[in-house]
Amino acid sequence: MKKVEAIIRPFKLEDVKLALVNAGIIGMTVSEVRGFGKQKGQVERYRGSEFTVEFLQKLKIEVVVDDENVSSVMNAIANAAKTGEIGDGKIFVSPVESVVRIRTGDKDSSAL
């Protein structure tokens, strides 16, 4: 099993959600996060004053899938989240040793 984490632009959430549902993914976790990469923040104006927002709002999507579904999930997220501009985000994949569904006690693949 693998955990796929994607950092995306907030307005792309609905597109990514639909792409994951179409890829057969039933559930996901979404968190509001802040960060920066090559964008290095952005300059904003408020009441005539300029200031730099160093940490930009992003969303982190987390999905745990069987190994054979990783590439389709990554492709679905990448295609749905892409705008072609700096700041589209990143996708990270890491191994998951075990999963337990608390309600039923199901383990590993049956818990997904």
C-alpha atoms as a PDB file:
ATOM      1  CA  MET A   1       0.000   0.000   0.000  1.00  0.00           C
ATOM      2  CA  LYS A   2       1.065   3.561  -0.666  1.00  0.00           C
ATOM      3  CA  LYS A   3       0.045   6.941   0.667  1.00  0.00           C
ATOM      4  CA  VAL A   4      -0.315   9.559  -2.056  1.00  0.00           C
ATOM      5  CA  GLU A   5      -0.134  13.153  -0.815  1.00  0.00           C
ATOM      6  CA  ALA A   6      -0.791  16.033  -3.176  1.00  0.00           C
ATOM      7  CA  ILE A   7      -0.376  19.739  -2.534  1.00  0.00           C
ATOM      8  CA  ILE A   8      -2.702  21.633  -4.899  1.00  0.00           C
ATOM      9  CA  ARG A   9      -4.255  25.031  -5.493  1.00  0.00           C
ATOM     10  CA  PRO A  10      -7.525  25.423  -3.523  1.00  0.00           C
ATOM     11  CA  PHE A  11      -9.695  26.161  -6.563  1.00  0.00           C
ATOM     12  CA  LYS A  12      -8.657  22.831  -8.135  1.00  0.00           C
ATOM     13  CA  LEU A  13     -10.147  20.697  -5.345  1.00  0.00           C
ATOM     14  CA  GLU A  14     -13.417  19.895  -7.122  1.00  0.00           C
ATOM     15  CA  ASP A  15     -11.589  18.898 -10.328  1.00  0.00           C
ATOM     16  CA  VAL A  16      -9.223  16.642  -8.390  1.00  0.00           C
ATOM     17  CA  LYS A  17     -12.070  15.097  -6.396  1.00  0.00           C
ATOM     18  CA  LEU A  18     -13.976  14.238  -9.570  1.00  0.00           C
ATOM     19  CA  ALA A  19     -10.830  12.798 -11.174  1.00  0.00           C
ATOM     20  CA  LEU A  20     -10.208  10.574  -8.131  1.00  0.00           C
ATOM     21  CA  VAL A  21     -13.826   9.374  -8.049  1.00  0.00           C
ATOM     22  CA  ASN A  22     -13.579   8.553 -11.753  1.00  0.00           C
ATOM     23  CA  ALA A  23     -10.351   6.631 -10.993  1.00  0.00           C
ATOM     24  CA  GLY A  24     -12.280   4.512  -8.456  1.00  0.00           C
ATOM     25  CA  ILE A  25     -11.032   6.160  -5.274  1.00  0.00           C
ATOM     26  CA  ILE A  26     -13.713   6.153  -2.589  1.00  0.00           C
ATOM     27  CA  GLY A  27     -12.260   8.345   0.148  1.00  0.00           C
ATOM     28  CA  MET A  28      -9.672  11.013   0.750  1.00  0.00           C
ATOM     29  CA  THR A  29      -8.562  13.462   3.411  1.00  0.00           C
ATOM     30  CA  VAL A  30      -8.235  17.180   2.652  1.00  0.00           C
ATOM     31  CA  SER A  31      -6.354  19.660   4.846  1.00  0.00           C
ATOM     32  CA  GLU A  32      -5.780  23.378   4.493  1.00  0.00           C
ATOM     33  CA  VAL A  33      -2.044  24.072   4.493  1.00  0.00           C
ATOM     34  CA  ARG A  34       0.280  26.991   3.812  1.00  0.00           C
ATOM     35  CA  GLY A  35       3.656  26.972   2.144  1.00  0.00           C
ATOM     36  CA  PHE A  36       5.865  28.241  -0.624  1.00  0.00           C
ATOM     37  CA  GLY A  37       8.173  26.888  -3.270  1.00  0.00           C
ATOM     38  CA  LYS A  38       9.504  28.543  -6.403  1.00  0.00           C
ATOM     39  CA  GLN A  39       6.721  31.118  -6.176  1.00  0.00           C
ATOM     40  CA  LYS A  40       8.302  32.520  -3.006  1.00  0.00           C
ATOM     41  CA  GLY A  41       5.059  34.174  -1.986  1.00  0.00           C
ATOM     42  CA  GLN A  42       3.248  37.004  -3.686  1.00  0.00           C
ATOM     43  CA  VAL A  43       2.881  40.759  -3.297  1.00  0.00           C
ATOM     44  CA  GLU A  44      -0.552  41.961  -2.150  1.00  0.00           C
ATOM     45  CA  ARG A  45      -2.017  45.435  -1.667  1.00  0.00           C
ATOM     46  CA  TYR A  46      -4.220  46.379   1.253  1.00  0.00           C
ATOM     47  CA  ARG A  47      -5.443  49.954   1.754  1.00  0.00           C
ATOM     48  CA  GLY A  48      -2.649  51.341  -0.383  1.00  0.00           C
ATOM     49  CA  SER A  49       0.162  49.451   1.339  1.00  0.00           C
ATOM     50  CA  GLU A  50       2.110  46.631  -0.270  1.00  0.00           C
ATOM     51  CA  PHE A  51       3.088  43.563   1.685  1.00  0.00           C
ATOM     52  CA  THR A  52       4.404  40.133   0.783  1.00  0.00           C
ATOM     53  CA  VAL A  53       2.445  37.010   1.603  1.00  0.00           C
ATOM     54  CA  GLU A  54       5.215  34.475   2.092  1.00  0.00           C
ATOM     55  CA  PHE A  55       3.099  31.416   2.805  1.00  0.00           C
ATOM     56  CA  LEU A  56       0.444  30.756   0.169  1.00  0.00           C
ATOM     57  CA  GLN A  57      -2.762  28.871   0.876  1.00  0.00           C
ATOM     58  CA  LYS A  58      -2.805  25.369  -0.570  1.00  0.00           C
ATOM     59  CA  LEU A  59      -4.731  22.155   0.032  1.00  0.00           C
ATOM     60  CA  LYS A  60      -3.183  18.806   0.910  1.00  0.00           C
ATOM     61  CA  ILE A  61      -5.017  15.725  -0.306  1.00  0.00           C
ATOM     62  CA  GLU A  62      -4.127  12.357   1.200  1.00  0.00           C
ATOM     63  CA  VAL A  63      -5.189   9.020  -0.267  1.00  0.00           C
ATOM     64  CA  VAL A  64      -4.034   5.502   0.660  1.00  0.00           C
ATOM     65  CA  VAL A  65      -4.257   3.024  -2.219  1.00  0.00           C
ATOM     66  CA  ASP A  66      -3.052  -0.427  -3.220  1.00  0.00           C
ATOM     67  CA  ASP A  67       0.269  -0.447  -5.078  1.00  0.00           C
ATOM     68  CA  GLU A  68      -1.319  -1.175  -8.467  1.00  0.00           C
ATOM     69  CA  ASN A  69      -3.473   1.995  -8.258  1.00  0.00           C
ATOM     70  CA  VAL A  70      -0.663   4.459  -7.500  1.00  0.00           C
ATOM     71  CA  SER A  71       0.126   5.494 -11.077  1.00  0.00           C
ATOM     72  CA  SER A  72      -3.540   6.007 -12.021  1.00  0.00           C
ATOM     73  CA  VAL A  73      -4.106   8.113  -8.889  1.00  0.00           C
ATOM     74  CA  MET A  74      -0.996  10.198  -9.567  1.00  0.00           C
ATOM     75  CA  ASN A  75      -2.045  10.756 -13.189  1.00  0.00           C
ATOM     76  CA  ALA A  76      -5.602  11.678 -12.180  1.00  0.00           C
ATOM     77  CA  ILE A  77      -4.378  14.243  -9.650  1.00  0.00           C
ATOM     78  CA  ALA A  78      -1.710  15.690 -11.936  1.00  0.00           C
ATOM     79  CA  ASN A  79      -4.062  16.091 -14.892  1.00  0.00           C
ATOM     80  CA  ALA A  80      -6.861  17.617 -12.807  1.00  0.00           C
ATOM     81  CA  ALA A  81      -4.650  20.018 -10.809  1.00  0.00           C
ATOM     82  CA  LYS A  82      -2.469  21.285 -13.648  1.00  0.00           C
ATOM     83  CA  THR A  83      -2.768  24.900 -14.799  1.00  0.00           C
ATOM     84  CA  GLY A  84       0.701  25.107 -16.333  1.00  0.00           C
ATOM     85  CA  GLU A  85       1.798  27.894 -13.998  1.00  0.00           C
ATOM     86  CA  ILE A  86       4.364  27.909 -11.188  1.00  0.00           C
ATOM     87  CA  GLY A  87       2.640  26.871  -7.966  1.00  0.00           C
ATOM     88  CA  ASP A  88       0.500  24.017  -9.302  1.00  0.00           C
ATOM     89  CA  GLY A  89       1.800  21.809  -6.495  1.00  0.00           C
ATOM     90  CA  LYS A  90       3.515  18.499  -5.899  1.00  0.00           C
ATOM     91  CA  ILE A  91       2.633  14.826  -5.440  1.00  0.00           C
ATOM     92  CA  PHE A  92       4.443  12.646  -2.898  1.00  0.00           C
ATOM     93  CA  VAL A  93       4.220   8.852  -2.585  1.00  0.00           C
ATOM     94  CA  SER A  94       5.305   6.967   0.532  1.00  0.00           C
ATOM     95  CA  PRO A  95       4.893   3.386   1.756  1.00  0.00           C
ATOM     96  CA  VAL A  96       2.210   2.443   4.270  1.00  0.00           C
ATOM     97  CA  GLU A  97       2.956  -0.540   6.479  1.00  0.00           C
ATOM     98  CA  SER A  98      -0.509  -1.227   7.806  1.00  0.00           C
ATOM     99  CA  VAL A  99      -4.070   0.108   7.949  1.00  0.00           C
ATOM    100  CA  VAL A 100      -6.818  -0.767  10.429  1.00  0.00           C
ATOM    101  CA  ARG A 101     -10.453   0.261  10.061  1.00  0.00           C
ATOM    102  CA  ILE A 102     -11.374   1.127  13.627  1.00  0.00           C
ATOM    103  CA  ARG A 103     -15.108   0.346  13.344  1.00  0.00           C
ATOM    104  CA  THR A 104     -14.749  -3.225  12.026  1.00  0.00           C
ATOM    105  CA  GLY A 105     -11.144  -4.174  12.738  1.00  0.00           C
ATOM    106  CA  ASP A 106     -10.500  -4.836   9.029  1.00  0.00           C
ATOM    107  CA  LYS A 107      -6.801  -4.709   8.207  1.00  0.00           C
ATOM    108  CA  ASP A 108      -4.678  -3.603   5.266  1.00  0.00           C
ATOM    109  CA  SER A 109      -6.321  -3.811   1.808  1.00  0.00           C
ATOM    110  CA  SER A 110      -9.739  -4.766   3.187  1.00  0.00           C
ATOM    111  CA  ALA A 111      -9.629  -1.635   5.389  1.00  0.00           C
ATOM    112  CA  LEU A 112      -9.285   0.646   2.379  1.00  0.00           C
END
